[in-house]
Amino acid sequence: MRFLTDANLPTGKISLAAVCECEQDITTELEKLNISSLELPPNPFVDKRLSGHADLSLLHIEGNIAAVSKSCTDILKSKGFEVVVPDGAQSEKYPFDCILNALILKKKVFANTSALDKKISAFLLEKGFEIIHINQGYSKCMTAVINENAVITCDKSVKQAADAHKIDALIIRQGFIRLDGFEYGFIGGCCGLIDRNILAFSGKIENHPDYVLMRDFALSHSVKLLSLTEEKLKDIGGILPIQEGEV
């Protein structure tokens, strides 16, 4: 196994994904595909309803480097990660819950720069990343990565930033995704690439009213959509690809 060179962008089939430890139905389905799960423990610093969400606790930067919540340092180190812990205090109130929430595509980082932790921002700049400000603090939650040049989002600010940087972006309707305790969840929180050309979803993507648009958009970029369960789509904090190659 090897770490993904570029965050969110496997070059082949993944072998390890970071997923909320409470989502056993998803980890079971991933296991059937010979994909192991790095089950992240609850993050005590954010809203209890979101405490298991990987995209609030882990920001994979590149290779074996990741920015992580204090609650996840030990488990990430045990997997061979070099971890960077934010200086800022993470808490349940927006925007302090999303200090690690950013969308990374190759060397571009889309994030609300007032929300992203300052230490992490400085680290990213030192590593040669370009940080692109958007108003949305939950940029990763709001965005499904198709490839380095294509995304699906439910947020206008992500769409506008993607367009400005010549990234093909399909915008879909808000809602139609379950998030317990909230009115609805977001598209990025219910999926992740499990292979270079397969985007896996936590529920039945075919039941989303914009499914045909998403399917055709993804296929235009040689990516297929895969439903892991027959349940309603659920925002679980994402399925974050970490390692690829043979186990």
Protein backbone atom coordinates (compact mmCIF):
# COMPACT_ATOMS: atom_id res chain seq x y z
CA MET A 1 0.00 0.00 0.00
CA ARG A 2 1.09 3.56 -0.58
CA PHE A 3 -0.30 6.93 0.40
CA LEU A 4 -2.08 8.91 -2.26
CA THR A 5 0.38 11.38 -3.73
CA ASP A 6 -2.39 13.95 -4.12
CA ALA A 7 -5.21 14.28 -1.62
CA ASN A 8 -8.63 13.06 -2.83
CA LEU A 9 -7.18 11.80 -6.13
CA PRO A 10 -6.34 8.09 -6.29
CA THR A 11 -4.47 6.88 -9.36
CA GLY A 12 -5.99 3.40 -9.02
CA LYS A 13 -8.10 1.39 -6.61
CA ILE A 14 -7.80 2.54 -3.01
CA SER A 15 -6.98 0.18 -0.15
CA LEU A 16 -7.74 2.47 2.82
CA ALA A 17 -10.35 5.17 3.38
CA ALA A 18 -11.01 7.39 6.40
CA VAL A 19 -14.62 7.03 7.51
CA CYS A 20 -16.65 7.78 10.62
CA GLU A 21 -16.34 4.82 13.00
CA CYS A 22 -20.10 4.81 13.58
CA GLU A 23 -20.90 4.06 9.92
CA GLN A 24 -20.56 0.29 10.08
CA ASP A 25 -22.83 -0.30 7.10
CA ILE A 26 -20.44 1.72 4.94
CA THR A 27 -17.29 0.12 6.32
CA THR A 28 -18.85 -3.31 5.72
CA GLU A 29 -19.60 -2.47 2.08
CA LEU A 30 -16.11 -1.09 1.59
CA GLU A 31 -14.66 -4.27 3.07
CA LYS A 32 -16.57 -6.28 0.44
CA LEU A 33 -14.62 -4.27 -2.12
CA ASN A 34 -11.34 -5.08 -0.33
CA ILE A 35 -11.06 -1.56 1.02
CA SER A 36 -10.12 -1.18 4.67
CA SER A 37 -11.49 1.67 6.77
CA LEU A 38 -9.55 4.02 8.99
CA GLU A 39 -12.35 4.54 11.49
CA LEU A 40 -11.93 7.94 13.08
CA PRO A 41 -13.08 8.34 16.70
CA PRO A 42 -15.57 11.03 17.71
CA ASN A 43 -14.14 14.54 17.73
CA PRO A 44 -15.11 16.07 21.11
CA PHE A 45 -14.45 19.61 19.91
CA VAL A 46 -17.31 19.84 17.38
CA ASP A 47 -21.09 19.45 17.49
CA LYS A 48 -21.92 15.95 18.76
CA ARG A 49 -24.08 15.35 15.68
CA LEU A 50 -20.98 15.86 13.50
CA SER A 51 -18.34 14.45 15.82
CA GLY A 52 -17.61 11.41 13.66
CA HIS A 53 -17.27 13.32 10.40
CA ALA A 54 -13.86 12.66 8.89
CA ASP A 55 -13.90 15.92 6.93
CA LEU A 56 -13.98 17.93 10.18
CA SER A 57 -11.14 15.97 11.81
CA LEU A 58 -8.75 15.18 8.98
CA LEU A 59 -7.34 17.24 6.12
CA HIS A 60 -5.16 15.02 3.96
CA ILE A 61 -2.59 17.34 2.42
CA GLU A 62 -0.37 15.06 0.32
CA GLY A 63 1.43 11.76 0.67
CA ASN A 64 1.66 10.82 4.33
CA ILE A 65 1.13 14.40 5.55
CA ALA A 66 -2.15 15.41 7.13
CA ALA A 67 -3.57 18.13 9.32
CA VAL A 68 -5.64 16.54 12.07
CA SER A 69 -7.71 17.32 15.10
CA LYS A 70 -6.02 16.65 18.44
CA SER A 71 -8.49 13.80 18.94
CA CYS A 72 -7.10 11.91 15.94
CA THR A 73 -3.34 12.35 16.23
CA ASP A 74 -2.60 8.92 17.70
CA ILE A 75 -4.60 6.89 15.18
CA LEU A 76 -3.13 8.84 12.25
CA LYS A 77 0.42 8.43 13.54
CA SER A 78 -0.19 4.70 13.96
CA LYS A 79 -0.93 4.54 10.22
CA GLY A 80 2.33 6.26 9.32
CA PHE A 81 1.11 9.82 8.94
CA GLU A 82 3.16 12.87 9.75
CA VAL A 83 0.57 15.05 11.44
CA VAL A 84 0.18 18.79 11.74
CA VAL A 85 -2.08 19.89 14.58
CA PRO A 86 -3.83 23.25 14.26
CA ASP A 87 -3.00 26.06 16.66
CA GLY A 88 -6.54 27.36 16.75
CA ALA A 89 -9.18 25.94 19.05
CA GLN A 90 -11.80 23.85 17.26
CA SER A 91 -15.31 24.21 18.65
CA GLU A 92 -18.89 23.42 17.72
CA LYS A 93 -19.82 26.89 16.49
CA TYR A 94 -19.28 27.85 12.86
CA PRO A 95 -16.69 28.77 11.62
CA PHE A 96 -14.60 27.28 14.43
CA ASP A 97 -15.78 23.75 13.62
CA CYS A 98 -14.38 23.87 10.09
CA ILE A 99 -10.79 24.95 10.74
CA LEU A 100 -9.67 21.77 8.92
CA ASN A 101 -12.31 21.78 6.20
CA ALA A 102 -10.81 22.60 2.82
CA LEU A 103 -11.03 21.24 -0.70
CA ILE A 104 -7.62 20.26 -2.07
CA LEU A 105 -7.15 19.59 -5.78
CA LYS A 106 -3.49 19.01 -6.67
CA LYS A 107 -1.78 22.23 -5.54
CA LYS A 108 -4.95 24.30 -5.19
CA VAL A 109 -6.76 24.71 -1.86
CA PHE A 110 -10.30 26.10 -1.85
CA ALA A 111 -11.22 27.34 1.61
CA ASN A 112 -12.64 30.20 3.62
CA THR A 113 -9.35 31.76 4.66
CA SER A 114 -10.87 33.33 7.77
CA ALA A 115 -12.01 29.89 8.94
CA LEU A 116 -9.04 27.72 7.92
CA ASP A 117 -6.54 27.39 10.78
CA LYS A 118 -3.69 29.89 10.39
CA LYS A 119 -0.97 27.36 11.18
CA ILE A 120 -2.37 25.01 8.55
CA SER A 121 -2.62 27.84 6.03
CA ALA A 122 1.03 28.75 6.61
CA PHE A 123 2.06 25.11 6.29
CA LEU A 124 0.19 24.76 3.00
CA LEU A 125 1.85 27.88 1.60
CA GLU A 126 5.28 26.57 2.63
CA LYS A 127 4.49 23.36 0.72
CA GLY A 128 3.75 25.33 -2.43
CA PHE A 129 -0.05 25.21 -2.37
CA GLU A 130 -2.16 28.07 -3.68
CA ILE A 131 -4.94 28.98 -1.27
CA ILE A 132 -8.06 30.29 -2.97
CA HIS A 133 -10.56 32.09 -0.77
CA ILE A 134 -14.24 31.25 -1.01
CA ASN A 135 -17.00 32.38 1.32
CA GLN A 136 -18.05 28.82 2.14
CA GLY A 137 -16.37 27.38 5.24
CA TYR A 138 -17.48 23.82 4.48
CA SER A 139 -15.83 23.64 1.07
CA LYS A 140 -14.96 19.94 1.35
CA CYS A 141 -18.41 19.01 2.66
CA MET A 142 -20.01 20.85 -0.23
CA THR A 143 -17.98 19.24 -3.00
CA ALA A 144 -17.71 15.82 -4.62
CA VAL A 145 -14.36 15.39 -6.34
CA ILE A 146 -14.53 13.80 -9.79
CA ASN A 147 -10.92 14.45 -10.73
CA GLU A 148 -8.41 17.27 -10.46
CA ASN A 149 -10.31 19.22 -13.11
CA ALA A 150 -13.93 18.42 -12.27
CA VAL A 151 -16.21 18.65 -9.23
CA ILE A 152 -19.87 18.48 -8.30
CA THR A 153 -21.07 20.99 -5.74
CA CYS A 154 -24.21 22.37 -4.17
CA ASP A 155 -22.58 25.70 -3.34
CA LYS A 156 -22.44 28.76 -5.60
CA SER A 157 -19.19 30.09 -4.15
CA VAL A 158 -17.43 26.79 -4.86
CA LYS A 159 -18.84 26.83 -8.38
CA GLN A 160 -17.67 30.40 -8.99
CA ALA A 161 -14.16 29.68 -7.69
CA ALA A 162 -13.92 26.51 -9.76
CA ASP A 163 -15.01 28.36 -12.89
CA ALA A 164 -12.43 31.08 -12.25
CA HIS A 165 -9.69 28.45 -12.07
CA LYS A 166 -10.86 26.51 -15.11
CA ILE A 167 -12.19 23.55 -13.15
CA ASP A 168 -15.34 22.02 -14.62
CA ALA A 169 -18.04 22.31 -11.95
CA LEU A 170 -21.59 21.00 -11.96
CA ILE A 171 -23.90 22.67 -9.48
CA ILE A 172 -26.81 20.67 -8.10
CA ARG A 173 -29.74 21.41 -5.83
CA GLN A 174 -29.33 21.63 -2.08
CA GLY A 175 -31.00 18.96 0.01
CA PHE A 176 -32.09 15.36 -0.65
CA ILE A 177 -29.24 14.12 1.54
CA ARG A 178 -29.85 12.99 5.09
CA LEU A 179 -27.89 14.46 8.00
CA ASP A 180 -29.28 13.47 11.37
CA GLY A 181 -30.21 16.47 13.48
CA PHE A 182 -30.13 18.89 10.52
CA GLU A 183 -32.47 19.82 7.68
CA TYR A 184 -30.14 18.19 5.14
CA GLY A 185 -26.55 17.24 4.40
CA PHE A 186 -24.17 17.90 1.53
CA ILE A 187 -22.92 16.08 -1.54
CA GLY A 188 -19.25 15.96 -0.53
CA GLY A 189 -20.15 14.43 2.81
CA CYS A 190 -21.76 11.37 1.27
CA CYS A 191 -19.09 10.22 -1.17
CA GLY A 192 -15.46 9.75 -2.13
CA LEU A 193 -13.36 8.31 -4.94
CA ILE A 194 -12.53 4.66 -4.30
CA ASP A 195 -10.77 4.26 -7.63
CA ARG A 196 -9.53 6.69 -10.24
CA ASN A 197 -12.80 6.23 -12.12
CA ILE A 198 -15.31 5.23 -9.40
CA LEU A 199 -17.06 7.66 -7.06
CA ALA A 200 -18.77 5.78 -4.23
CA PHE A 201 -21.80 7.06 -2.31
CA SER A 202 -23.07 6.28 1.17
CA GLY A 203 -26.57 5.63 -0.14
CA LYS A 204 -28.49 5.24 -3.36
CA ILE A 205 -27.34 8.06 -5.62
CA GLU A 206 -29.92 7.01 -8.24
CA ASN A 207 -32.67 8.42 -5.98
CA HIS A 208 -31.26 11.95 -6.01
CA PRO A 209 -33.36 14.21 -8.29
CA ASP A 210 -30.19 15.41 -10.05
CA TYR A 211 -28.83 11.90 -10.53
CA VAL A 212 -28.94 11.92 -14.34
CA LEU A 213 -27.09 15.25 -14.45
CA MET A 214 -24.44 13.93 -12.06
CA ARG A 215 -24.14 10.59 -13.83
CA ASP A 216 -23.68 12.19 -17.24
CA PHE A 217 -21.27 14.82 -15.91
CA ALA A 218 -19.14 12.17 -14.21
CA LEU A 219 -19.19 9.93 -17.28
CA SER A 220 -18.00 12.85 -19.39
CA HIS A 221 -14.90 12.72 -17.18
CA SER A 222 -14.70 8.90 -17.36
CA VAL A 223 -15.98 8.39 -13.79
CA LYS A 224 -18.81 6.07 -12.77
CA LEU A 225 -21.10 6.56 -9.77
CA LEU A 226 -21.51 3.66 -7.33
CA SER A 227 -24.16 3.28 -4.62
CA LEU A 228 -22.79 1.39 -1.60
CA THR A 229 -26.23 0.85 -0.04
CA GLU A 230 -29.89 1.05 -0.98
CA GLU A 231 -30.58 3.58 1.78
CA LYS A 232 -31.19 7.30 1.33
CA LEU A 233 -28.01 9.29 0.73
CA LYS A 234 -26.47 10.25 4.06
CA ASP A 235 -23.85 12.86 4.88
CA ILE A 236 -21.32 10.86 6.92
CA GLY A 237 -18.42 13.29 6.65
CA GLY A 238 -17.11 11.81 3.46
CA ILE A 239 -15.28 8.70 2.35
CA LEU A 240 -11.71 10.02 2.26
CA PRO A 241 -9.26 7.99 0.14
CA ILE A 242 -5.96 7.61 2.00
CA GLN A 243 -3.94 4.74 0.55
CA GLU A 244 -4.00 2.78 -2.69
CA GLY A 245 -2.45 -0.35 -4.11
CA GLU A 246 -2.41 -3.96 -2.94
CA VAL A 247 -2.86 -4.67 0.76
